[in-house]
């Protein structure tokens, strides 16, 4: 079987500088190799350099559980490693022409989202079992870091989460995320 090659692609969204990326991948009889990050491909596509990474996190999240919406003062490159997720992104930047917009993305293996500083990132695990979600940051998270948060269940955001969420159930959403009042807070 000849190798199947899927090229790296970049797709703009309705939120300024929020981009959906399809990783270059090569599949043969042994399986698939995906390029998670290649500096030269990013620069050729007009994307900013994101290296060196200063922090990388992997979360394991049960089916139906929701994390976010958080918009710290850092670039994030996010993707799933195992399972699938429903990603939601909210532009809370006060000076952005797309302020207030929400974009959702079905996150499967090979799909990434580059999240600019100040855009809130959240997701719901939709796979049976757990979803492993990978975050790469250009800054280290620290308490008191500049940023914003929004309640992912805020009706004003109109995010159609694919699975029902009980705001009182801490196994589905943290009290902190469910307790963010208003559209966003600093």
C-alpha atoms as a PDB file:
ATOM      1  CA  UNK A   1       0.000   0.000   0.000  1.00  0.00           C
ATOM      2  CA  UNK A   2       1.510   3.357  -0.977  1.00  0.00           C
ATOM      3  CA  UNK A   3       1.596   5.986   1.766  1.00  0.00           C
ATOM      4  CA  UNK A   4      -1.338   8.386   1.890  1.00  0.00           C
ATOM      5  CA  UNK A   5      -0.240  11.963   2.543  1.00  0.00           C
ATOM      6  CA  UNK A   6      -2.650  14.632   3.742  1.00  0.00           C
ATOM      7  CA  UNK A   7      -1.096  18.124   3.564  1.00  0.00           C
ATOM      8  CA  UNK A   8      -1.038  20.772   6.291  1.00  0.00           C
ATOM      9  CA  UNK A   9      -3.900  23.250   5.814  1.00  0.00           C
ATOM     10  CA  UNK A  10      -5.070  26.385   7.613  1.00  0.00           C
ATOM     11  CA  UNK A  11      -8.667  27.615   7.755  1.00  0.00           C
ATOM     12  CA  UNK A  12      -9.752  31.059   8.989  1.00  0.00           C
ATOM     13  CA  UNK A  13     -12.793  31.342  11.283  1.00  0.00           C
ATOM     14  CA  UNK A  14     -15.247  34.097  12.203  1.00  0.00           C
ATOM     15  CA  UNK A  15     -12.988  35.034  15.140  1.00  0.00           C
ATOM     16  CA  UNK A  16     -10.006  37.146  14.129  1.00  0.00           C
ATOM     17  CA  UNK A  17      -6.748  35.116  14.339  1.00  0.00           C
ATOM     18  CA  UNK A  18      -8.518  31.921  15.537  1.00  0.00           C
ATOM     19  CA  UNK A  19      -7.544  29.276  12.994  1.00  0.00           C
ATOM     20  CA  UNK A  20      -8.396  25.627  12.461  1.00  0.00           C
ATOM     21  CA  UNK A  21      -5.413  23.595  11.317  1.00  0.00           C
ATOM     22  CA  UNK A  22      -5.289  20.161   9.733  1.00  0.00           C
ATOM     23  CA  UNK A  23      -2.010  18.487  10.566  1.00  0.00           C
ATOM     24  CA  UNK A  24       0.127  17.031   7.820  1.00  0.00           C
ATOM     25  CA  UNK A  25      -0.236  13.293   8.155  1.00  0.00           C
ATOM     26  CA  UNK A  26       1.217  10.257   6.489  1.00  0.00           C
ATOM     27  CA  UNK A  27      -0.575   6.909   6.721  1.00  0.00           C
ATOM     28  CA  UNK A  28       0.801   3.541   5.662  1.00  0.00           C
ATOM     29  CA  UNK A  29       0.409  -0.091   6.711  1.00  0.00           C
ATOM     30  CA  UNK A  30       1.932   0.637  10.133  1.00  0.00           C
ATOM     31  CA  UNK A  31      -0.405   3.498  11.033  1.00  0.00           C
ATOM     32  CA  UNK A  32      -0.284   7.293  10.935  1.00  0.00           C
ATOM     33  CA  UNK A  33       2.308   9.954  11.719  1.00  0.00           C
ATOM     34  CA  UNK A  34       0.990  13.499  12.307  1.00  0.00           C
ATOM     35  CA  UNK A  35       3.140  16.602  12.429  1.00  0.00           C
ATOM     36  CA  UNK A  36       1.870  18.345  15.530  1.00  0.00           C
ATOM     37  CA  UNK A  37       4.051  21.426  15.010  1.00  0.00           C
ATOM     38  CA  UNK A  38       6.512  22.331  12.252  1.00  0.00           C
ATOM     39  CA  UNK A  39       7.843  25.867  12.559  1.00  0.00           C
ATOM     40  CA  UNK A  40       8.531  26.290   8.826  1.00  0.00           C
ATOM     41  CA  UNK A  41       4.997  25.171   7.844  1.00  0.00           C
ATOM     42  CA  UNK A  42       3.470  27.639  10.317  1.00  0.00           C
ATOM     43  CA  UNK A  43       5.590  30.535   9.039  1.00  0.00           C
ATOM     44  CA  UNK A  44       4.911  29.663   5.368  1.00  0.00           C
ATOM     45  CA  UNK A  45       1.151  29.712   6.140  1.00  0.00           C
ATOM     46  CA  UNK A  46       1.450  33.200   7.655  1.00  0.00           C
ATOM     47  CA  UNK A  47       1.010  31.940  11.230  1.00  0.00           C
ATOM     48  CA  UNK A  48       3.137  33.234  14.094  1.00  0.00           C
ATOM     49  CA  UNK A  49       6.028  31.268  15.494  1.00  0.00           C
ATOM     50  CA  UNK A  50       4.740  29.486  18.574  1.00  0.00           C
ATOM     51  CA  UNK A  51       7.999  28.103  19.881  1.00  0.00           C
ATOM     52  CA  UNK A  52       9.580  27.528  22.136  1.00  0.00           C
ATOM     53  CA  UNK A  53       6.734  26.042  24.126  1.00  0.00           C
ATOM     54  CA  UNK A  54       6.960  26.974  27.792  1.00  0.00           C
ATOM     55  CA  UNK A  55       4.208  24.672  29.087  1.00  0.00           C
ATOM     56  CA  UNK A  56       2.388  21.630  27.682  1.00  0.00           C
ATOM     57  CA  UNK A  57      -0.625  20.052  29.427  1.00  0.00           C
ATOM     58  CA  UNK A  58      -2.692  16.975  28.671  1.00  0.00           C
ATOM     59  CA  UNK A  59      -6.107  16.592  30.269  1.00  0.00           C
ATOM     60  CA  UNK A  60      -8.142  13.413  30.478  1.00  0.00           C
ATOM     61  CA  UNK A  61     -11.807  14.330  30.479  1.00  0.00           C
ATOM     62  CA  UNK A  62     -14.773  11.977  30.838  1.00  0.00           C
ATOM     63  CA  UNK A  63     -17.516  11.858  28.235  1.00  0.00           C
ATOM     64  CA  UNK A  64     -19.956  14.753  28.717  1.00  0.00           C
ATOM     65  CA  UNK A  65     -17.642  16.770  30.981  1.00  0.00           C
ATOM     66  CA  UNK A  66     -16.935  20.374  30.037  1.00  0.00           C
ATOM     67  CA  UNK A  67     -13.801  22.494  30.627  1.00  0.00           C
ATOM     68  CA  UNK A  68     -13.513  26.250  30.075  1.00  0.00           C
ATOM     69  CA  UNK A  69     -14.079  28.949  28.766  1.00  0.00           C
ATOM     70  CA  UNK A  70     -10.691  30.504  29.620  1.00  0.00           C
ATOM     71  CA  UNK A  71      -8.829  33.211  27.721  1.00  0.00           C
ATOM     72  CA  UNK A  72      -5.424  33.820  29.263  1.00  0.00           C
ATOM     73  CA  UNK A  73      -2.754  36.169  27.930  1.00  0.00           C
ATOM     74  CA  UNK A  74      -1.019  33.435  25.914  1.00  0.00           C
ATOM     75  CA  UNK A  75      -1.212  31.708  22.572  1.00  0.00           C
ATOM     76  CA  UNK A  76      -2.502  28.129  22.746  1.00  0.00           C
ATOM     77  CA  UNK A  77      -2.281  25.339  20.225  1.00  0.00           C
ATOM     78  CA  UNK A  78      -4.869  22.693  21.154  1.00  0.00           C
ATOM     79  CA  UNK A  79      -5.767  19.262  19.789  1.00  0.00           C
ATOM     80  CA  UNK A  80      -7.125  15.898  20.874  1.00  0.00           C
ATOM     81  CA  UNK A  81      -4.758  12.951  21.172  1.00  0.00           C
ATOM     82  CA  UNK A  82      -7.358  10.337  22.135  1.00  0.00           C
ATOM     83  CA  UNK A  83     -11.104  10.543  21.565  1.00  0.00           C
ATOM     84  CA  UNK A  84     -13.121  13.461  20.242  1.00  0.00           C
ATOM     85  CA  UNK A  85     -14.153  16.812  21.642  1.00  0.00           C
ATOM     86  CA  UNK A  86     -16.474  19.672  20.794  1.00  0.00           C
ATOM     87  CA  UNK A  87     -14.363  22.834  21.008  1.00  0.00           C
ATOM     88  CA  UNK A  88     -15.882  26.255  21.685  1.00  0.00           C
ATOM     89  CA  UNK A  89     -14.061  29.570  21.335  1.00  0.00           C
ATOM     90  CA  UNK A  90     -15.354  32.973  22.452  1.00  0.00           C
ATOM     91  CA  UNK A  91     -13.711  36.265  21.501  1.00  0.00           C
ATOM     92  CA  UNK A  92     -13.653  38.333  24.695  1.00  0.00           C
ATOM     93  CA  UNK A  93     -10.944  40.744  23.516  1.00  0.00           C
ATOM     94  CA  UNK A  94     -12.234  44.310  23.970  1.00  0.00           C
ATOM     95  CA  UNK A  95     -10.347  45.680  20.929  1.00  0.00           C
ATOM     96  CA  UNK A  96     -11.159  42.850  18.522  1.00  0.00           C
ATOM     97  CA  UNK A  97     -13.404  43.366  15.471  1.00  0.00           C
ATOM     98  CA  UNK A  98     -14.834  39.905  16.193  1.00  0.00           C
ATOM     99  CA  UNK A  99     -15.497  40.593  19.901  1.00  0.00           C
ATOM    100  CA  UNK A 100     -18.458  38.573  21.163  1.00  0.00           C
ATOM    101  CA  UNK A 101     -18.333  35.962  18.383  1.00  0.00           C
ATOM    102  CA  UNK A 102     -18.401  32.244  19.170  1.00  0.00           C
ATOM    103  CA  UNK A 103     -16.897  29.556  16.939  1.00  0.00           C
ATOM    104  CA  UNK A 104     -17.274  25.821  17.506  1.00  0.00           C
ATOM    105  CA  UNK A 105     -15.076  23.087  16.037  1.00  0.00           C
ATOM    106  CA  UNK A 106     -15.376  19.307  16.056  1.00  0.00           C
ATOM    107  CA  UNK A 107     -11.970  18.190  17.307  1.00  0.00           C
ATOM    108  CA  UNK A 108     -10.785  14.842  15.995  1.00  0.00           C
ATOM    109  CA  UNK A 109      -7.287  13.434  15.581  1.00  0.00           C
ATOM    110  CA  UNK A 110      -5.446  15.566  13.054  1.00  0.00           C
ATOM    111  CA  UNK A 111      -7.425  18.769  13.781  1.00  0.00           C
ATOM    112  CA  UNK A 112      -5.874  21.577  15.818  1.00  0.00           C
ATOM    113  CA  UNK A 113      -6.990  25.047  16.809  1.00  0.00           C
ATOM    114  CA  UNK A 114      -4.612  27.947  17.256  1.00  0.00           C
ATOM    115  CA  UNK A 115      -6.160  30.148  19.932  1.00  0.00           C
ATOM    116  CA  UNK A 116      -4.916  33.749  20.123  1.00  0.00           C
ATOM    117  CA  UNK A 117      -4.325  35.617  23.366  1.00  0.00           C
ATOM    118  CA  UNK A 118      -7.588  36.643  25.039  1.00  0.00           C
ATOM    119  CA  UNK A 119      -9.854  34.277  23.093  1.00  0.00           C
ATOM    120  CA  UNK A 120     -11.607  31.909  25.485  1.00  0.00           C
ATOM    121  CA  UNK A 121     -11.053  28.194  24.907  1.00  0.00           C
ATOM    122  CA  UNK A 122     -13.344  25.448  26.169  1.00  0.00           C
ATOM    123  CA  UNK A 123     -14.375  21.956  25.190  1.00  0.00           C
ATOM    124  CA  UNK A 124     -16.701  19.072  25.956  1.00  0.00           C
ATOM    125  CA  UNK A 125     -15.542  15.454  25.707  1.00  0.00           C
ATOM    126  CA  UNK A 126     -17.938  13.627  23.385  1.00  0.00           C
ATOM    127  CA  UNK A 127     -16.225  10.219  23.167  1.00  0.00           C
ATOM    128  CA  UNK A 128     -17.132   7.182  25.240  1.00  0.00           C
ATOM    129  CA  UNK A 129     -14.519   6.813  27.978  1.00  0.00           C
ATOM    130  CA  UNK A 130     -12.094   9.737  28.083  1.00  0.00           C
ATOM    131  CA  UNK A 131     -10.763  12.339  25.689  1.00  0.00           C
ATOM    132  CA  UNK A 132      -7.140  13.401  25.998  1.00  0.00           C
ATOM    133  CA  UNK A 133      -6.840  17.085  25.112  1.00  0.00           C
ATOM    134  CA  UNK A 134      -3.402  18.569  24.499  1.00  0.00           C
ATOM    135  CA  UNK A 135      -2.617  22.235  25.226  1.00  0.00           C
ATOM    136  CA  UNK A 136       0.670  23.861  24.193  1.00  0.00           C
ATOM    137  CA  UNK A 137       1.309  27.320  25.621  1.00  0.00           C
ATOM    138  CA  UNK A 138       3.818  30.004  24.670  1.00  0.00           C
ATOM    139  CA  UNK A 139       3.770  31.197  28.310  1.00  0.00           C
ATOM    140  CA  UNK A 140       3.655  29.399  31.656  1.00  0.00           C
ATOM    141  CA  UNK A 141       0.335  29.663  33.472  1.00  0.00           C
ATOM    142  CA  UNK A 142       0.614  31.412  36.835  1.00  0.00           C
ATOM    143  CA  UNK A 143      -1.936  32.499  39.426  1.00  0.00           C
ATOM    144  CA  UNK A 144      -3.193  36.000  38.720  1.00  0.00           C
ATOM    145  CA  UNK A 145      -2.197  35.844  35.046  1.00  0.00           C
ATOM    146  CA  UNK A 146      -4.012  38.384  32.875  1.00  0.00           C
ATOM    147  CA  UNK A 147      -7.006  36.951  31.094  1.00  0.00           C
ATOM    148  CA  UNK A 148     -10.745  36.459  31.013  1.00  0.00           C
ATOM    149  CA  UNK A 149     -13.240  33.694  31.690  1.00  0.00           C
ATOM    150  CA  UNK A 150     -16.788  33.147  30.526  1.00  0.00           C
ATOM    151  CA  UNK A 151     -19.484  30.774  31.742  1.00  0.00           C
ATOM    152  CA  UNK A 152     -19.713  28.092  29.036  1.00  0.00           C
ATOM    153  CA  UNK A 153     -23.418  27.636  29.870  1.00  0.00           C
ATOM    154  CA  UNK A 154     -24.280  31.348  29.526  1.00  0.00           C
ATOM    155  CA  UNK A 155     -27.401  31.464  27.305  1.00  0.00           C
ATOM    156  CA  UNK A 156     -26.141  34.714  25.741  1.00  0.00           C
ATOM    157  CA  UNK A 157     -23.267  32.754  24.167  1.00  0.00           C
ATOM    158  CA  UNK A 158     -25.747  30.248  22.673  1.00  0.00           C
ATOM    159  CA  UNK A 159     -23.240  27.397  22.580  1.00  0.00           C
ATOM    160  CA  UNK A 160     -25.073  24.212  21.579  1.00  0.00           C
ATOM    161  CA  UNK A 161     -23.076  21.703  23.626  1.00  0.00           C
ATOM    162  CA  UNK A 162     -23.712  18.270  22.079  1.00  0.00           C
ATOM    163  CA  UNK A 163     -24.330  16.508  25.417  1.00  0.00           C
ATOM    164  CA  UNK A 164     -26.483  17.830  28.273  1.00  0.00           C
ATOM    165  CA  UNK A 165     -24.608  19.475  31.153  1.00  0.00           C
ATOM    166  CA  UNK A 166     -25.898  19.710  34.732  1.00  0.00           C
ATOM    167  CA  UNK A 167     -24.351  22.898  36.164  1.00  0.00           C
ATOM    168  CA  UNK A 168     -24.722  21.483  39.695  1.00  0.00           C
ATOM    169  CA  UNK A 169     -22.761  18.296  38.904  1.00  0.00           C
ATOM    170  CA  UNK A 170     -19.000  18.813  39.539  1.00  0.00           C
ATOM    171  CA  UNK A 171     -18.225  15.717  37.438  1.00  0.00           C
ATOM    172  CA  UNK A 172     -19.594  17.624  34.409  1.00  0.00           C
ATOM    173  CA  UNK A 173     -18.388  21.196  35.033  1.00  0.00           C
ATOM    174  CA  UNK A 174     -16.278  22.789  37.764  1.00  0.00           C
ATOM    175  CA  UNK A 175     -17.980  25.102  40.243  1.00  0.00           C
ATOM    176  CA  UNK A 176     -15.521  27.809  39.155  1.00  0.00           C
ATOM    177  CA  UNK A 177     -16.484  27.525  35.447  1.00  0.00           C
ATOM    178  CA  UNK A 178     -20.214  27.304  36.210  1.00  0.00           C
ATOM    179  CA  UNK A 179     -19.955  30.237  38.628  1.00  0.00           C
ATOM    180  CA  UNK A 180     -18.589  32.821  36.198  1.00  0.00           C
ATOM    181  CA  UNK A 181     -21.337  35.410  36.096  1.00  0.00           C
ATOM    182  CA  UNK A 182     -22.198  37.664  33.216  1.00  0.00           C
ATOM    183  CA  UNK A 183     -20.703  37.238  29.766  1.00  0.00           C
ATOM    184  CA  UNK A 184     -17.107  37.394  30.967  1.00  0.00           C
ATOM    185  CA  UNK A 185     -14.904  38.501  33.790  1.00  0.00           C
ATOM    186  CA  UNK A 186     -11.301  39.581  34.080  1.00  0.00           C
END
